[in-house]
């Protein structure tokens, strides 16, 4: 770490739990962020400012005027640009030292396997159950920690699924793939702007904790936020021994 890096990350290095060793772990990490919208915006901004060495952004969409109420990585001048290129520009302006890979695409199964295998941590910042389940399945396959967040209306949730931990559930343990769930989108239901900032920032915090191996991640815990009343609820979640996604991995 050179003098400029020591200065840039000095407020992290001052923390006993992080120090130079923890900061070097951050700089060596590769974060894969699925979705460069409301959750992906604050998550990516904080991971970039913290110095995560490589950040891969995956999103097929373009910046729209309606996004700017909450997707803080974008701005008015970049309406019509791809979200990943807009986000890359913002992240590079914050931290030109890190590598940003911008992929404007819908990652299919084969592509997801390639991307997850190359990452050290994955942040699920998407907005549909199909993608969430696909990402979870590949994270389980390659034993890559997954930081999952969601937000709609005034309600948010966040959890950590870590396949390296034999006691950790996966996303499918909590939401079985065959369960009938109503797909709700902020384009039709609305979303409170600061809510995605809260949840996305927490995703970045959990990702950094997992990368450095510090503190107690949200593994086996689901946090629910009612932002209208600013009340948190914590639910303990256990691994499903017959989960169709992760049960086979834990067979001895």
Protein backbone atom coordinates (compact mmCIF):
# COMPACT_ATOMS: atom_id res chain seq x y z
CA UNK A 1 0.00 0.00 0.00
CA UNK A 2 1.53 3.32 -1.05
CA UNK A 3 1.32 6.66 0.77
CA UNK A 4 -1.72 7.84 -1.21
CA UNK A 5 -3.59 4.64 -0.39
CA UNK A 6 -2.65 4.90 3.27
CA UNK A 7 -4.13 8.39 3.24
CA UNK A 8 -7.24 7.48 1.22
CA UNK A 9 -8.14 4.58 3.51
CA UNK A 10 -6.78 6.06 6.74
CA UNK A 11 -10.17 6.17 8.49
CA UNK A 12 -10.55 2.44 7.92
CA UNK A 13 -6.98 1.71 8.93
CA UNK A 14 -7.51 3.58 12.20
CA UNK A 15 -10.13 1.02 13.22
CA UNK A 16 -8.54 -1.79 15.23
CA UNK A 17 -10.88 -4.33 13.66
CA UNK A 18 -9.69 -3.38 10.16
CA UNK A 19 -6.17 -1.93 10.14
CA UNK A 20 -3.84 -2.37 7.17
CA UNK A 21 -4.49 -6.12 7.00
CA UNK A 22 -8.24 -5.67 6.67
CA UNK A 23 -7.86 -2.92 4.09
CA UNK A 24 -5.60 -5.13 2.02
CA UNK A 25 -8.27 -7.84 2.07
CA UNK A 26 -10.75 -5.29 0.73
CA UNK A 27 -8.36 -4.27 -2.03
CA UNK A 28 -7.86 -7.92 -3.03
CA UNK A 29 -11.60 -8.64 -3.18
CA UNK A 30 -13.81 -8.98 -6.26
CA UNK A 31 -17.45 -8.03 -5.73
CA UNK A 32 -20.12 -9.01 -8.24
CA UNK A 33 -23.18 -6.73 -8.06
CA UNK A 34 -26.32 -7.94 -9.81
CA UNK A 35 -28.39 -4.83 -10.51
CA UNK A 36 -27.27 -1.20 -10.78
CA UNK A 37 -30.51 0.37 -9.59
CA UNK A 38 -31.85 1.45 -6.22
CA UNK A 39 -29.98 -1.11 -4.10
CA UNK A 40 -26.97 -1.48 -6.37
CA UNK A 41 -26.33 2.28 -6.39
CA UNK A 42 -25.43 2.81 -2.70
CA UNK A 43 -23.88 -0.65 -2.44
CA UNK A 44 -21.53 0.03 -5.36
CA UNK A 45 -20.69 3.54 -4.19
CA UNK A 46 -19.65 2.35 -0.73
CA UNK A 47 -17.71 -0.66 -2.01
CA UNK A 48 -15.85 1.58 -4.46
CA UNK A 49 -15.07 4.22 -1.85
CA UNK A 50 -13.93 1.48 0.55
CA UNK A 51 -11.44 0.28 -2.08
CA UNK A 52 -12.78 -3.09 -3.23
CA UNK A 53 -10.21 -3.97 -5.88
CA UNK A 54 -12.58 -5.22 -8.59
CA UNK A 55 -16.29 -4.51 -8.93
CA UNK A 56 -18.31 -6.18 -11.67
CA UNK A 57 -21.69 -4.59 -12.39
CA UNK A 58 -24.38 -6.51 -14.27
CA UNK A 59 -27.57 -4.80 -15.48
CA UNK A 60 -29.30 -4.83 -18.86
CA UNK A 61 -31.28 -1.60 -18.37
CA UNK A 62 -30.73 2.07 -19.25
CA UNK A 63 -31.08 5.15 -17.04
CA UNK A 64 -34.60 6.59 -17.04
CA UNK A 65 -35.92 9.80 -15.49
CA UNK A 66 -38.04 7.77 -13.06
CA UNK A 67 -34.87 6.09 -11.71
CA UNK A 68 -33.37 9.33 -10.40
CA UNK A 69 -35.70 9.56 -7.39
CA UNK A 70 -33.64 6.82 -5.69
CA UNK A 71 -30.85 5.44 -7.90
CA UNK A 72 -28.16 7.79 -6.64
CA UNK A 73 -25.28 6.47 -8.74
CA UNK A 74 -26.93 7.99 -11.85
CA UNK A 75 -27.71 11.59 -12.81
CA UNK A 76 -29.84 13.58 -15.23
CA UNK A 77 -27.05 13.98 -17.77
CA UNK A 78 -26.79 10.20 -18.14
CA UNK A 79 -30.46 9.51 -18.92
CA UNK A 80 -30.53 7.03 -21.80
CA UNK A 81 -27.08 5.64 -21.00
CA UNK A 82 -26.71 2.07 -19.86
CA UNK A 83 -26.93 1.81 -16.08
CA UNK A 84 -23.65 -0.04 -15.83
CA UNK A 85 -21.72 2.56 -17.85
CA UNK A 86 -23.34 5.36 -15.82
CA UNK A 87 -22.42 3.60 -12.59
CA UNK A 88 -18.88 2.91 -13.78
CA UNK A 89 -18.36 6.60 -14.46
CA UNK A 90 -19.57 7.55 -10.97
CA UNK A 91 -17.45 4.89 -9.26
CA UNK A 92 -14.31 5.81 -11.19
CA UNK A 93 -14.77 9.44 -10.20
CA UNK A 94 -14.86 8.37 -6.55
CA UNK A 95 -11.97 5.91 -6.76
CA UNK A 96 -9.90 5.75 -9.96
CA UNK A 97 -7.60 3.10 -8.45
CA UNK A 98 -10.08 0.23 -8.60
CA UNK A 99 -11.18 -1.88 -11.57
CA UNK A 100 -14.81 -1.56 -12.69
CA UNK A 101 -16.23 -4.12 -15.12
CA UNK A 102 -19.55 -2.94 -16.62
CA UNK A 103 -21.71 -5.61 -18.27
CA UNK A 104 -24.92 -4.48 -19.93
CA UNK A 105 -26.66 -7.81 -20.17
CA UNK A 106 -29.12 -10.23 -18.63
CA UNK A 107 -26.79 -12.91 -17.34
CA UNK A 108 -28.08 -16.38 -18.18
CA UNK A 109 -27.15 -19.52 -16.27
CA UNK A 110 -23.86 -20.17 -18.03
CA UNK A 111 -22.82 -16.52 -17.76
CA UNK A 112 -23.76 -16.40 -14.08
CA UNK A 113 -21.61 -19.44 -13.39
CA UNK A 114 -18.67 -17.72 -15.06
CA UNK A 115 -19.19 -14.45 -13.18
CA UNK A 116 -19.84 -15.93 -9.74
CA UNK A 117 -16.90 -18.31 -9.99
CA UNK A 118 -14.60 -15.32 -10.57
CA UNK A 119 -15.99 -13.31 -7.62
CA UNK A 120 -15.16 -13.44 -3.93
CA UNK A 121 -18.57 -12.07 -2.91
CA UNK A 122 -21.92 -11.46 -4.63
CA UNK A 123 -24.50 -8.77 -3.91
CA UNK A 124 -28.03 -9.49 -5.08
CA UNK A 125 -29.47 -6.06 -5.85
CA UNK A 126 -32.00 -7.18 -8.46
CA UNK A 127 -35.79 -6.90 -8.37
CA UNK A 128 -37.21 -10.30 -9.35
CA UNK A 129 -37.39 -13.75 -7.81
CA UNK A 130 -36.21 -15.59 -10.92
CA UNK A 131 -32.85 -13.82 -10.93
CA UNK A 132 -32.52 -14.11 -7.15
CA UNK A 133 -32.97 -17.88 -7.30
CA UNK A 134 -30.58 -18.24 -10.23
CA UNK A 135 -27.89 -16.21 -8.45
CA UNK A 136 -28.39 -18.14 -5.21
CA UNK A 137 -28.07 -21.49 -6.93
CA UNK A 138 -24.75 -20.57 -8.52
CA UNK A 139 -23.43 -19.06 -5.27
CA UNK A 140 -24.23 -22.34 -3.51
CA UNK A 141 -22.53 -24.31 -6.28
CA UNK A 142 -19.29 -22.35 -6.02
CA UNK A 143 -19.48 -21.59 -2.27
CA UNK A 144 -19.47 -17.81 -2.76
CA UNK A 145 -21.10 -15.66 -0.04
CA UNK A 146 -24.29 -13.90 -1.13
CA UNK A 147 -25.56 -10.62 0.33
CA UNK A 148 -29.27 -10.36 -0.46
CA UNK A 149 -31.36 -7.21 -0.19
CA UNK A 150 -34.85 -6.18 -1.27
CA UNK A 151 -37.05 -3.10 -0.96
CA UNK A 152 -40.60 -2.17 -2.00
CA UNK A 153 -43.00 0.53 -0.78
CA UNK A 154 -41.76 1.22 2.78
CA UNK A 155 -40.56 -2.35 3.46
CA UNK A 156 -36.99 -3.61 3.20
CA UNK A 157 -35.11 -6.77 4.04
CA UNK A 158 -31.53 -7.99 4.11
CA UNK A 159 -29.72 -11.24 4.90
CA UNK A 160 -26.43 -13.01 4.27
CA UNK A 161 -26.23 -16.51 2.81
CA UNK A 162 -22.79 -18.07 3.13
CA UNK A 163 -22.39 -21.55 1.58
CA UNK A 164 -18.96 -21.90 3.22
CA UNK A 165 -20.76 -22.17 6.56
CA UNK A 166 -22.42 -25.58 6.99
CA UNK A 167 -25.07 -24.04 9.26
CA UNK A 168 -25.99 -21.23 6.87
CA UNK A 169 -29.28 -21.40 4.99
CA UNK A 170 -29.42 -20.35 1.36
CA UNK A 171 -31.97 -18.05 -0.25
CA UNK A 172 -34.02 -21.07 -1.35
CA UNK A 173 -34.27 -22.27 2.27
CA UNK A 174 -36.09 -19.03 3.04
CA UNK A 175 -38.04 -18.72 -0.22
CA UNK A 176 -38.46 -22.16 -1.83
CA UNK A 177 -38.24 -22.00 -5.65
CA UNK A 178 -41.61 -23.73 -6.05
CA UNK A 179 -43.40 -21.35 -3.68
CA UNK A 180 -45.99 -19.10 -5.30
CA UNK A 181 -44.92 -15.52 -4.54
CA UNK A 182 -46.44 -12.37 -5.96
CA UNK A 183 -43.90 -10.43 -8.02
CA UNK A 184 -44.14 -6.78 -6.98
CA UNK A 185 -42.25 -4.03 -8.80
CA UNK A 186 -41.55 -0.49 -7.68
CA UNK A 187 -42.73 0.68 -11.12
CA UNK A 188 -46.26 -0.30 -10.13
CA UNK A 189 -46.16 -0.33 -6.30
CA UNK A 190 -43.76 2.54 -5.58
CA UNK A 191 -40.76 2.68 -3.23
CA UNK A 192 -39.62 5.15 -0.56
CA UNK A 193 -36.39 6.66 -1.88
CA UNK A 194 -34.23 6.51 1.29
CA UNK A 195 -35.28 2.91 1.93
CA UNK A 196 -33.15 1.55 -0.92
CA UNK A 197 -30.27 3.68 0.36
CA UNK A 198 -30.55 2.11 3.81
CA UNK A 199 -30.73 -1.47 2.56
CA UNK A 200 -28.11 -1.02 -0.17
CA UNK A 201 -25.68 0.59 2.27
CA UNK A 202 -26.21 -2.29 4.67
CA UNK A 203 -25.47 -4.74 1.85
CA UNK A 204 -22.13 -2.97 1.34
CA UNK A 205 -21.44 -3.11 5.08
CA UNK A 206 -22.20 -6.83 5.28
CA UNK A 207 -20.09 -7.50 2.19
CA UNK A 208 -17.10 -5.68 3.68
CA UNK A 209 -17.48 -7.55 6.99
CA UNK A 210 -17.55 -10.89 5.19
CA UNK A 211 -14.56 -9.94 3.02
CA UNK A 212 -12.49 -9.02 6.08
CA UNK A 213 -13.88 -11.73 8.36
CA UNK A 214 -14.84 -9.29 11.10
CA UNK A 215 -17.91 -8.84 13.28
CA UNK A 216 -21.03 -10.96 13.06
CA UNK A 217 -22.61 -11.05 9.60
CA UNK A 218 -26.33 -11.52 9.08
CA UNK A 219 -25.85 -15.21 8.31
CA UNK A 220 -28.90 -17.10 9.54
CA UNK A 221 -30.75 -13.88 10.28
CA UNK A 222 -33.26 -11.92 8.23
CA UNK A 223 -33.65 -8.24 9.09
CA UNK A 224 -36.96 -6.62 8.11
CA UNK A 225 -37.36 -2.85 8.08
CA UNK A 226 -40.63 -0.96 8.29
CA UNK A 227 -39.32 2.44 7.19
CA UNK A 228 -42.64 4.18 7.73
CA UNK A 229 -42.35 3.56 11.48
CA UNK A 230 -38.57 2.99 11.39
CA UNK A 231 -38.90 -0.35 13.16
CA UNK A 232 -36.61 -3.34 12.67
CA UNK A 233 -37.63 -6.97 13.11
CA UNK A 234 -35.09 -9.80 13.24
CA UNK A 235 -36.04 -13.35 12.28
CA UNK A 236 -33.75 -16.32 12.81
CA UNK A 237 -33.65 -18.59 9.77
CA UNK A 238 -32.30 -22.12 9.70
CA UNK A 239 -30.97 -24.22 6.86
CA UNK A 240 -33.62 -26.46 5.34
CA UNK A 241 -32.21 -30.03 5.44
CA UNK A 242 -34.26 -30.93 2.35
CA UNK A 243 -33.66 -27.70 0.46
CA UNK A 244 -33.62 -28.49 -3.29
CA UNK A 245 -30.65 -26.14 -3.77
CA UNK A 246 -28.24 -26.51 -0.86
CA UNK A 247 -29.12 -29.81 0.87
CA UNK A 248 -26.98 -31.92 -1.45
CA UNK A 249 -23.96 -29.72 -0.75
CA UNK A 250 -24.10 -30.52 2.96
CA UNK A 251 -24.39 -34.29 2.63
CA UNK A 252 -21.45 -36.03 4.19
